[in-house]
Amino acid sequence: MSWMSFVTWSAEKRGWSRGYWRFDGDFVVYDMESLNWVEPLRDVLIRPSNRGSS
């Protein structure tokens, strides 16, 4: 999580958009077996205040 937080912060600091393309596998954001988000990683990528009511 620390690395992802740093990369996210660095991109935002420079005004860059960011993307995360590993949806399932080694660096999952969403667990396809349990049908649940991996919340710590999701929260790094999409801050809770920016997610709306999802």
PDB file of N, CA and C in Angstrom:
ATOM      1  N   MET A   1       0.811  -1.202   0.000  1.00  0.00           N
ATOM      2  CA  MET A   1       0.000   0.000   0.000  1.00  0.00           C
ATOM      3  C   MET A   1       0.857   1.270   0.000  1.00  0.00           C
ATOM      4  N   SER A   2       2.001   1.219   0.680  1.00  0.00           N
ATOM      5  CA  SER A   2       2.850   2.409   0.745  1.00  0.00           C
ATOM      6  C   SER A   2       3.320   2.843  -0.637  1.00  0.00           C
ATOM      7  N   TRP A   3       3.721   1.864  -1.456  1.00  0.00           N
ATOM      8  CA  TRP A   3       4.181   2.192  -2.801  1.00  0.00           C
ATOM      9  C   TRP A   3       3.047   2.817  -3.609  1.00  0.00           C
ATOM     10  N   MET A   4       1.854   2.220  -3.540  1.00  0.00           N
ATOM     11  CA  MET A   4       0.719   2.747  -4.296  1.00  0.00           C
ATOM     12  C   MET A   4       0.346   4.139  -3.797  1.00  0.00           C
ATOM     13  N   SER A   5       0.407   4.358  -2.501  1.00  0.00           N
ATOM     14  CA  SER A   5       0.131   5.694  -1.955  1.00  0.00           C
ATOM     15  C   SER A   5       1.121   6.712  -2.496  1.00  0.00           C
ATOM     16  N   PHE A   6       2.407   6.351  -2.536  1.00  0.00           N
ATOM     17  CA  PHE A   6       3.432   7.251  -3.048  1.00  0.00           C
ATOM     18  C   PHE A   6       3.208   7.565  -4.522  1.00  0.00           C
ATOM     19  N   VAL A   7       2.943   6.550  -5.319  1.00  0.00           N
ATOM     20  CA  VAL A   7       2.725   6.760  -6.754  1.00  0.00           C
ATOM     21  C   VAL A   7       1.500   7.638  -6.989  1.00  0.00           C
ATOM     22  N   THR A   8       0.416   7.364  -6.255  1.00  0.00           N
ATOM     23  CA  THR A   8      -0.805   8.159  -6.386  1.00  0.00           C
ATOM     24  C   THR A   8      -0.554   9.610  -6.006  1.00  0.00           C
ATOM     25  N   TRP A   9       0.122   9.819  -4.874  1.00  0.00           N
ATOM     26  CA  TRP A   9       0.437  11.172  -4.410  1.00  0.00           C
ATOM     27  C   TRP A   9       1.315  11.896  -5.425  1.00  0.00           C
ATOM     28  N   SER A  10       2.326  11.194  -5.954  1.00  0.00           N
ATOM     29  CA  SER A  10       3.237  11.801  -6.931  1.00  0.00           C
ATOM     30  C   SER A  10       2.496  12.234  -8.192  1.00  0.00           C
ATOM     31  N   ALA A  11       1.588  11.408  -8.668  1.00  0.00           N
ATOM     32  CA  ALA A  11       0.814  11.760  -9.868  1.00  0.00           C
ATOM     33  C   ALA A  11      -0.065  12.978  -9.597  1.00  0.00           C
ATOM     34  N   GLU A  12      -0.759  12.980  -8.463  1.00  0.00           N
ATOM     35  CA  GLU A  12      -1.631  14.116  -8.133  1.00  0.00           C
ATOM     36  C   GLU A  12      -0.832  15.403  -7.979  1.00  0.00           C
ATOM     37  N   LYS A  13       0.339  15.321  -7.348  1.00  0.00           N
ATOM     38  CA  LYS A  13       1.191  16.496  -7.143  1.00  0.00           C
ATOM     39  C   LYS A  13       1.568  17.147  -8.472  1.00  0.00           C
ATOM     40  N   ARG A  14       1.737  16.330  -9.494  1.00  0.00           N
ATOM     41  CA  ARG A  14       2.137  16.837 -10.807  1.00  0.00           C
ATOM     42  C   ARG A  14       0.954  17.139 -11.729  1.00  0.00           C
ATOM     43  N   GLY A  15      -0.247  16.914 -11.224  1.00  0.00           N
ATOM     44  CA  GLY A  15      -1.429  17.184 -12.032  1.00  0.00           C
ATOM     45  C   GLY A  15      -1.688  16.118 -13.080  1.00  0.00           C
ATOM     46  N   TRP A  16      -1.084  14.944 -12.918  1.00  0.00           N
ATOM     47  CA  TRP A  16      -1.256  13.862 -13.882  1.00  0.00           C
ATOM     48  C   TRP A  16      -2.497  13.053 -13.553  1.00  0.00           C
ATOM     49  N   SER A  17      -3.129  12.556 -14.579  1.00  0.00           N
ATOM     50  CA  SER A  17      -4.189  11.584 -14.338  1.00  0.00           C
ATOM     51  C   SER A  17      -3.516  10.243 -14.073  1.00  0.00           C
ATOM     52  N   ARG A  18      -4.256   9.326 -13.519  1.00  0.00           N
ATOM     53  CA  ARG A  18      -3.669   8.037 -13.207  1.00  0.00           C
ATOM     54  C   ARG A  18      -4.635   6.931 -13.562  1.00  0.00           C
ATOM     55  N   GLY A  19      -4.126   5.773 -13.711  1.00  0.00           N
ATOM     56  CA  GLY A  19      -4.957   4.620 -14.010  1.00  0.00           C
ATOM     57  C   GLY A  19      -4.404   3.389 -13.327  1.00  0.00           C
ATOM     58  N   TYR A  20      -5.243   2.430 -13.114  1.00  0.00           N
ATOM     59  CA  TYR A  20      -4.832   1.167 -12.506  1.00  0.00           C
ATOM     60  C   TYR A  20      -5.478   0.069 -13.309  1.00  0.00           C
ATOM     61  N   TRP A  21      -4.699  -0.721 -14.005  1.00  0.00           N
ATOM     62  CA  TRP A  21      -5.274  -1.668 -14.948  1.00  0.00           C
ATOM     63  C   TRP A  21      -5.220  -3.115 -14.474  1.00  0.00           C
ATOM     64  N   ARG A  22      -4.758  -3.366 -13.284  1.00  0.00           N
ATOM     65  CA  ARG A  22      -4.721  -4.736 -12.780  1.00  0.00           C
ATOM     66  C   ARG A  22      -5.937  -4.951 -11.894  1.00  0.00           C
ATOM     67  N   PHE A  23      -7.041  -5.346 -12.487  1.00  0.00           N
ATOM     68  CA  PHE A  23      -8.312  -5.493 -11.766  1.00  0.00           C
ATOM     69  C   PHE A  23      -8.379  -6.809 -11.005  1.00  0.00           C
ATOM     70  N   ASP A  24      -7.762  -7.852 -11.541  1.00  0.00           N
ATOM     71  CA  ASP A  24      -7.803  -9.162 -10.896  1.00  0.00           C
ATOM     72  C   ASP A  24      -6.456  -9.843 -11.090  1.00  0.00           C
ATOM     73  N   GLY A  25      -5.988 -10.561 -10.124  1.00  0.00           N
ATOM     74  CA  GLY A  25      -4.718 -11.271 -10.218  1.00  0.00           C
ATOM     75  C   GLY A  25      -3.824 -10.924  -9.051  1.00  0.00           C
ATOM     76  N   ASP A  26      -2.541 -10.672  -9.333  1.00  0.00           N
ATOM     77  CA  ASP A  26      -1.558 -10.423  -8.278  1.00  0.00           C
ATOM     78  C   ASP A  26      -1.816  -9.155  -7.473  1.00  0.00           C
ATOM     79  N   PHE A  27      -2.294  -8.126  -8.098  1.00  0.00           N
ATOM     80  CA  PHE A  27      -2.526  -6.843  -7.428  1.00  0.00           C
ATOM     81  C   PHE A  27      -4.003  -6.479  -7.540  1.00  0.00           C
ATOM     82  N   VAL A  28      -4.841  -7.331  -7.013  1.00  0.00           N
ATOM     83  CA  VAL A  28      -6.275  -7.153  -7.206  1.00  0.00           C
ATOM     84  C   VAL A  28      -6.804  -5.939  -6.461  1.00  0.00           C
ATOM     85  N   VAL A  29      -7.719  -5.267  -7.081  1.00  0.00           N
ATOM     86  CA  VAL A  29      -8.476  -4.199  -6.451  1.00  0.00           C
ATOM     87  C   VAL A  29      -9.850  -4.746  -6.071  1.00  0.00           C
ATOM     88  N   TYR A  30     -10.272  -5.752  -6.802  1.00  0.00           N
ATOM     89  CA  TYR A  30     -11.574  -6.382  -6.568  1.00  0.00           C
ATOM     90  C   TYR A  30     -11.376  -7.890  -6.545  1.00  0.00           C
ATOM     91  N   ASP A  31     -11.781  -8.532  -5.464  1.00  0.00           N
ATOM     92  CA  ASP A  31     -11.645  -9.981  -5.308  1.00  0.00           C
ATOM     93  C   ASP A  31     -12.819 -10.657  -5.999  1.00  0.00           C
ATOM     94  N   MET A  32     -12.533 -11.307  -7.123  1.00  0.00           N
ATOM     95  CA  MET A  32     -13.586 -11.918  -7.934  1.00  0.00           C
ATOM     96  C   MET A  32     -14.243 -13.106  -7.239  1.00  0.00           C
ATOM     97  N   GLU A  33     -13.530 -13.795  -6.354  1.00  0.00           N
ATOM     98  CA  GLU A  33     -14.115 -14.934  -5.648  1.00  0.00           C
ATOM     99  C   GLU A  33     -15.105 -14.498  -4.580  1.00  0.00           C
ATOM    100  N   SER A  34     -14.733 -13.505  -3.790  1.00  0.00           N
ATOM    101  CA  SER A  34     -15.621 -13.053  -2.710  1.00  0.00           C
ATOM    102  C   SER A  34     -16.561 -11.939  -3.154  1.00  0.00           C
ATOM    103  N   LEU A  35     -16.310 -11.401  -4.360  1.00  0.00           N
ATOM    104  CA  LEU A  35     -17.104 -10.283  -4.901  1.00  0.00           C
ATOM    105  C   LEU A  35     -17.047  -9.062  -3.982  1.00  0.00           C
ATOM    106  N   ASN A  36     -15.835  -8.796  -3.479  1.00  0.00           N
ATOM    107  CA  ASN A  36     -15.622  -7.642  -2.598  1.00  0.00           C
ATOM    108  C   ASN A  36     -14.400  -6.849  -3.038  1.00  0.00           C
ATOM    109  N   TRP A  37     -14.442  -5.531  -2.792  1.00  0.00           N
ATOM    110  CA  TRP A  37     -13.295  -4.676  -3.036  1.00  0.00           C
ATOM    111  C   TRP A  37     -12.223  -4.962  -2.002  1.00  0.00           C
ATOM    112  N   VAL A  38     -10.975  -4.846  -2.380  1.00  0.00           N
ATOM    113  CA  VAL A  38      -9.859  -4.852  -1.438  1.00  0.00           C
ATOM    114  C   VAL A  38      -9.761  -3.399  -0.977  1.00  0.00           C
ATOM    115  N   GLU A  39     -10.435  -3.123   0.127  1.00  0.00           N
ATOM    116  CA  GLU A  39     -10.689  -1.745   0.544  1.00  0.00           C
ATOM    117  C   GLU A  39      -9.442  -0.887   0.744  1.00  0.00           C
ATOM    118  N   PRO A  40      -8.366  -1.377   1.370  1.00  0.00           N
ATOM    119  CA  PRO A  40      -7.193  -0.505   1.524  1.00  0.00           C
ATOM    120  C   PRO A  40      -6.631  -0.018   0.190  1.00  0.00           C
ATOM    121  N   LEU A  41      -6.557  -0.904  -0.791  1.00  0.00           N
ATOM    122  CA  LEU A  41      -6.045  -0.503  -2.107  1.00  0.00           C
ATOM    123  C   LEU A  41      -7.051   0.382  -2.826  1.00  0.00           C
ATOM    124  N   ARG A  42      -8.321   0.029  -2.765  1.00  0.00           N
ATOM    125  CA  ARG A  42      -9.359   0.872  -3.371  1.00  0.00           C
ATOM    126  C   ARG A  42      -9.315   2.284  -2.793  1.00  0.00           C
ATOM    127  N   ASP A  43      -9.116   2.382  -1.479  1.00  0.00           N
ATOM    128  CA  ASP A  43      -9.117   3.694  -0.830  1.00  0.00           C
ATOM    129  C   ASP A  43      -7.900   4.531  -1.190  1.00  0.00           C
ATOM    130  N   VAL A  44      -6.772   3.870  -1.538  1.00  0.00           N
ATOM    131  CA  VAL A  44      -5.602   4.606  -2.019  1.00  0.00           C
ATOM    132  C   VAL A  44      -5.881   5.162  -3.405  1.00  0.00           C
ATOM    133  N   LEU A  45      -6.502   4.344  -4.249  1.00  0.00           N
ATOM    134  CA  LEU A  45      -6.752   4.743  -5.635  1.00  0.00           C
ATOM    135  C   LEU A  45      -7.908   5.729  -5.765  1.00  0.00           C
ATOM    136  N   ILE A  46      -8.931   5.526  -4.969  1.00  0.00           N
ATOM    137  CA  ILE A  46     -10.119   6.390  -5.008  1.00  0.00           C
ATOM    138  C   ILE A  46     -10.439   6.773  -3.581  1.00  0.00           C
ATOM    139  N   ARG A  47     -10.059   7.963  -3.198  1.00  0.00           N
ATOM    140  CA  ARG A  47     -10.294   8.396  -1.824  1.00  0.00           C
ATOM    141  C   ARG A  47     -11.768   8.317  -1.498  1.00  0.00           C
ATOM    142  N   PRO A  48     -12.102   7.891  -0.272  1.00  0.00           N
ATOM    143  CA  PRO A  48     -13.513   7.732   0.116  1.00  0.00           C
ATOM    144  C   PRO A  48     -14.374   8.964  -0.200  1.00  0.00           C
ATOM    145  N   SER A  49     -13.849  10.167  -0.043  1.00  0.00           N
ATOM    146  CA  SER A  49     -14.634  11.372  -0.309  1.00  0.00           C
ATOM    147  C   SER A  49     -14.938  11.550  -1.786  1.00  0.00           C
ATOM    148  N   ASN A  50     -14.220  10.863  -2.685  1.00  0.00           N
ATOM    149  CA  ASN A  50     -14.432  10.983  -4.131  1.00  0.00           C
ATOM    150  C   ASN A  50     -15.240   9.840  -4.717  1.00  0.00           C
ATOM    151  N   ARG A  51     -15.659   8.884  -3.892  1.00  0.00           N
ATOM    152  CA  ARG A  51     -16.353   7.713  -4.403  1.00  0.00           C
ATOM    153  C   ARG A  51     -17.853   7.885  -4.503  1.00  0.00           C
ATOM    154  N   GLY A  52     -18.388   8.900  -3.901  1.00  0.00           N
ATOM    155  CA  GLY A  52     -19.843   9.032  -3.886  1.00  0.00           C
ATOM    156  C   GLY A  52     -20.436   8.067  -2.889  1.00  0.00           C
ATOM    157  N   SER A  53     -21.552   7.475  -3.205  1.00  0.00           N
ATOM    158  CA  SER A  53     -22.236   6.606  -2.260  1.00  0.00           C
ATOM    159  C   SER A  53     -22.089   5.131  -2.610  1.00  0.00           C
ATOM    160  N   SER A  54     -21.033   4.746  -3.363  1.00  0.00           N
ATOM    161  CA  SER A  54     -20.871   3.341  -3.745  1.00  0.00           C
ATOM    162  C   SER A  54     -20.293   2.488  -2.662  1.00  0.00           C
TER     163      SER A  54
END
